[in-house]
Amino acid sequence: MLKLLEIEFDVIVLSEIWNYNIEFYSNILDCYDFYYDLLVHTKGGGVGIFVRSEFKHCLLPQCNLVNSTV
């Protein structure tokens, strides 16, 4: 679908990526680096982000949100 739009996004964010889709997401888009964070005690949820590989970027672990059971 992204190819049909003929738009090259710099960043693509996905929610509800589920833990069994990670390998699929990791290999689906060339020219993007894929980062993700999954919920600890469930298969569902999680968030993923694709960042165009040509950009200089890095993870900032100090900005991660802590999972809560409340």
N, C-alpha and C. Protein backbone atom coordinates (compact mmCIF):
# COMPACT_ATOMS: atom_id res chain seq x y z
N MET A 1 0.82 -1.18 0.00
CA MET A 1 0.00 0.00 0.00
C MET A 1 0.87 1.26 0.00
N LEU A 2 1.99 1.23 0.75
CA LEU A 2 2.87 2.40 0.76
C LEU A 2 3.43 2.70 -0.62
N LYS A 3 3.74 1.67 -1.38
CA LYS A 3 4.26 1.87 -2.73
C LYS A 3 3.21 2.51 -3.64
N LEU A 4 1.93 2.17 -3.42
CA LEU A 4 0.86 2.76 -4.21
C LEU A 4 0.72 4.26 -3.95
N LEU A 5 1.05 4.70 -2.74
CA LEU A 5 0.95 6.11 -2.40
C LEU A 5 2.04 6.95 -3.07
N GLU A 6 3.13 6.29 -3.45
CA GLU A 6 4.26 6.96 -4.07
C GLU A 6 4.81 8.08 -3.19
N ILE A 7 4.75 7.87 -1.88
CA ILE A 7 5.30 8.81 -0.90
C ILE A 7 6.34 8.04 -0.10
N GLU A 8 7.51 8.62 0.07
CA GLU A 8 8.53 7.99 0.88
C GLU A 8 8.55 8.69 2.24
N PHE A 9 7.98 8.04 3.23
CA PHE A 9 7.92 8.60 4.57
C PHE A 9 9.29 8.52 5.24
N ASP A 10 9.60 9.50 6.08
CA ASP A 10 10.84 9.48 6.83
C ASP A 10 10.73 8.58 8.05
N VAL A 11 9.57 8.58 8.67
CA VAL A 11 9.31 7.77 9.87
C VAL A 11 7.91 7.18 9.75
N ILE A 12 7.79 5.90 10.12
CA ILE A 12 6.50 5.22 10.14
C ILE A 12 6.36 4.57 11.51
N VAL A 13 5.26 4.85 12.21
CA VAL A 13 5.04 4.31 13.55
C VAL A 13 3.84 3.36 13.50
N LEU A 14 4.00 2.18 14.10
CA LEU A 14 2.95 1.18 14.16
C LEU A 14 2.60 0.87 15.61
N SER A 15 1.34 0.66 15.89
CA SER A 15 0.94 0.21 17.22
C SER A 15 0.32 -1.17 17.10
N GLU A 16 0.22 -1.86 18.23
CA GLU A 16 -0.35 -3.22 18.27
C GLU A 16 0.39 -4.15 17.31
N ILE A 17 1.72 -4.22 17.43
CA ILE A 17 2.49 -5.02 16.49
C ILE A 17 2.55 -6.50 16.87
N TRP A 18 2.24 -6.85 18.10
CA TRP A 18 2.24 -8.23 18.59
C TRP A 18 3.63 -8.87 18.47
N ASN A 19 3.96 -9.72 19.40
CA ASN A 19 5.32 -10.25 19.46
C ASN A 19 5.63 -11.31 18.40
N TYR A 20 4.66 -11.93 17.78
CA TYR A 20 4.96 -12.95 16.77
C TYR A 20 5.13 -12.36 15.37
N ASN A 21 4.97 -11.06 15.21
CA ASN A 21 5.15 -10.40 13.91
C ASN A 21 6.51 -9.73 13.74
N ILE A 22 7.36 -9.79 14.74
CA ILE A 22 8.60 -9.02 14.75
C ILE A 22 9.51 -9.37 13.57
N GLU A 23 9.69 -10.63 13.28
CA GLU A 23 10.55 -11.01 12.15
C GLU A 23 9.99 -10.49 10.84
N PHE A 24 8.68 -10.55 10.67
CA PHE A 24 8.03 -10.02 9.47
C PHE A 24 8.31 -8.53 9.33
N TYR A 25 8.04 -7.77 10.40
CA TYR A 25 8.27 -6.32 10.36
C TYR A 25 9.74 -5.97 10.12
N SER A 26 10.63 -6.75 10.69
CA SER A 26 12.06 -6.48 10.57
C SER A 26 12.56 -6.58 9.13
N ASN A 27 11.83 -7.31 8.29
CA ASN A 27 12.28 -7.56 6.92
C ASN A 27 11.38 -6.98 5.83
N ILE A 28 10.35 -6.26 6.21
CA ILE A 28 9.36 -5.85 5.21
C ILE A 28 9.73 -4.59 4.42
N LEU A 29 10.43 -3.65 5.04
CA LEU A 29 10.73 -2.40 4.35
C LEU A 29 12.24 -2.20 4.21
N ASP A 30 12.71 -2.25 2.96
CA ASP A 30 14.11 -1.93 2.70
C ASP A 30 14.33 -0.44 2.94
N CYS A 31 15.52 -0.08 3.23
CA CYS A 31 15.93 1.32 3.43
C CYS A 31 15.38 1.94 4.71
N TYR A 32 14.86 1.11 5.62
CA TYR A 32 14.41 1.58 6.92
C TYR A 32 15.03 0.71 8.01
N ASP A 33 15.31 1.33 9.14
CA ASP A 33 15.71 0.58 10.33
C ASP A 33 14.47 0.44 11.20
N PHE A 34 14.28 -0.74 11.77
CA PHE A 34 13.08 -1.03 12.56
C PHE A 34 13.44 -1.17 14.02
N TYR A 35 12.74 -0.44 14.86
CA TYR A 35 12.89 -0.52 16.31
C TYR A 35 11.52 -0.84 16.91
N TYR A 36 11.53 -1.55 18.02
CA TYR A 36 10.26 -1.91 18.63
C TYR A 36 10.39 -2.09 20.13
N ASP A 37 9.24 -2.03 20.80
CA ASP A 37 9.16 -2.32 22.22
C ASP A 37 7.87 -3.09 22.43
N LEU A 38 7.98 -4.22 23.12
CA LEU A 38 6.83 -5.11 23.32
C LEU A 38 6.42 -5.14 24.78
N LEU A 39 5.17 -5.45 25.01
CA LEU A 39 4.70 -5.66 26.37
C LEU A 39 5.33 -6.93 26.92
N VAL A 40 5.58 -6.97 28.21
CA VAL A 40 6.32 -8.06 28.82
C VAL A 40 5.48 -9.31 29.02
N HIS A 41 4.27 -9.17 29.52
CA HIS A 41 3.49 -10.34 29.94
C HIS A 41 2.33 -10.70 29.02
N THR A 42 2.39 -10.29 27.77
CA THR A 42 1.30 -10.60 26.85
C THR A 42 1.84 -10.68 25.42
N LYS A 43 1.13 -11.36 24.55
CA LYS A 43 1.54 -11.47 23.15
C LYS A 43 1.11 -10.24 22.35
N GLY A 44 0.06 -9.56 22.81
CA GLY A 44 -0.48 -8.41 22.09
C GLY A 44 0.22 -7.12 22.46
N GLY A 45 -0.23 -6.05 21.84
CA GLY A 45 0.31 -4.73 22.12
C GLY A 45 1.64 -4.50 21.45
N GLY A 46 2.37 -3.57 21.98
CA GLY A 46 3.68 -3.24 21.44
C GLY A 46 3.62 -2.12 20.42
N VAL A 47 4.75 -1.49 20.23
CA VAL A 47 4.85 -0.40 19.27
C VAL A 47 6.14 -0.58 18.46
N GLY A 48 6.08 -0.23 17.20
CA GLY A 48 7.25 -0.31 16.34
C GLY A 48 7.43 0.98 15.57
N ILE A 49 8.66 1.26 15.19
CA ILE A 49 8.94 2.47 14.43
C ILE A 49 9.97 2.14 13.34
N PHE A 50 9.67 2.58 12.14
CA PHE A 50 10.59 2.49 11.02
C PHE A 50 11.18 3.87 10.80
N VAL A 51 12.50 3.95 10.73
CA VAL A 51 13.20 5.21 10.47
C VAL A 51 14.05 5.02 9.23
N ARG A 52 13.94 5.95 8.33
CA ARG A 52 14.70 5.86 7.08
C ARG A 52 16.20 5.72 7.41
N SER A 53 16.82 4.70 6.84
CA SER A 53 18.22 4.36 7.13
C SER A 53 19.20 5.48 6.82
N GLU A 54 18.88 6.34 5.88
CA GLU A 54 19.81 7.40 5.49
C GLU A 54 19.94 8.49 6.57
N PHE A 55 19.02 8.51 7.54
CA PHE A 55 19.09 9.49 8.62
C PHE A 55 19.98 8.98 9.74
N LYS A 56 20.73 9.88 10.32
CA LYS A 56 21.50 9.54 11.50
C LYS A 56 20.51 9.50 12.67
N HIS A 57 20.44 8.35 13.34
CA HIS A 57 19.49 8.21 14.44
C HIS A 57 20.03 7.21 15.46
N CYS A 58 19.49 7.28 16.66
CA CYS A 58 19.88 6.34 17.71
C CYS A 58 18.74 6.23 18.72
N LEU A 59 18.75 5.15 19.47
CA LEU A 59 17.76 4.94 20.52
C LEU A 59 18.15 5.73 21.76
N LEU A 60 17.17 6.21 22.48
CA LEU A 60 17.38 6.91 23.74
C LEU A 60 16.66 6.14 24.84
N PRO A 61 17.31 5.11 25.40
CA PRO A 61 16.65 4.27 26.40
C PRO A 61 16.12 5.05 27.60
N GLN A 62 16.73 6.18 27.93
CA GLN A 62 16.27 6.96 29.07
C GLN A 62 14.89 7.57 28.82
N CYS A 63 14.42 7.54 27.58
CA CYS A 63 13.10 8.10 27.24
C CYS A 63 12.02 7.02 27.15
N ASN A 64 12.37 5.75 27.39
CA ASN A 64 11.37 4.68 27.36
C ASN A 64 10.37 4.84 28.49
N LEU A 65 9.13 4.49 28.21
CA LEU A 65 8.11 4.47 29.24
C LEU A 65 8.15 3.10 29.92
N VAL A 66 7.89 3.08 31.19
CA VAL A 66 7.92 1.83 31.95
C VAL A 66 6.54 1.17 31.84
N ASN A 67 6.53 -0.14 31.50
CA ASN A 67 5.27 -0.88 31.47
C ASN A 67 4.68 -0.95 32.87
N SER A 68 3.39 -0.81 32.96
CA SER A 68 2.72 -0.81 34.26
C SER A 68 1.58 -1.82 34.24
N THR A 69 1.35 -2.50 35.33
CA THR A 69 0.24 -3.45 35.44
C THR A 69 -0.97 -2.78 36.09
N VAL A 70 -0.89 -1.49 36.40
CA VAL A 70 -1.98 -0.78 37.06
C VAL A 70 -2.97 -0.31 36.03
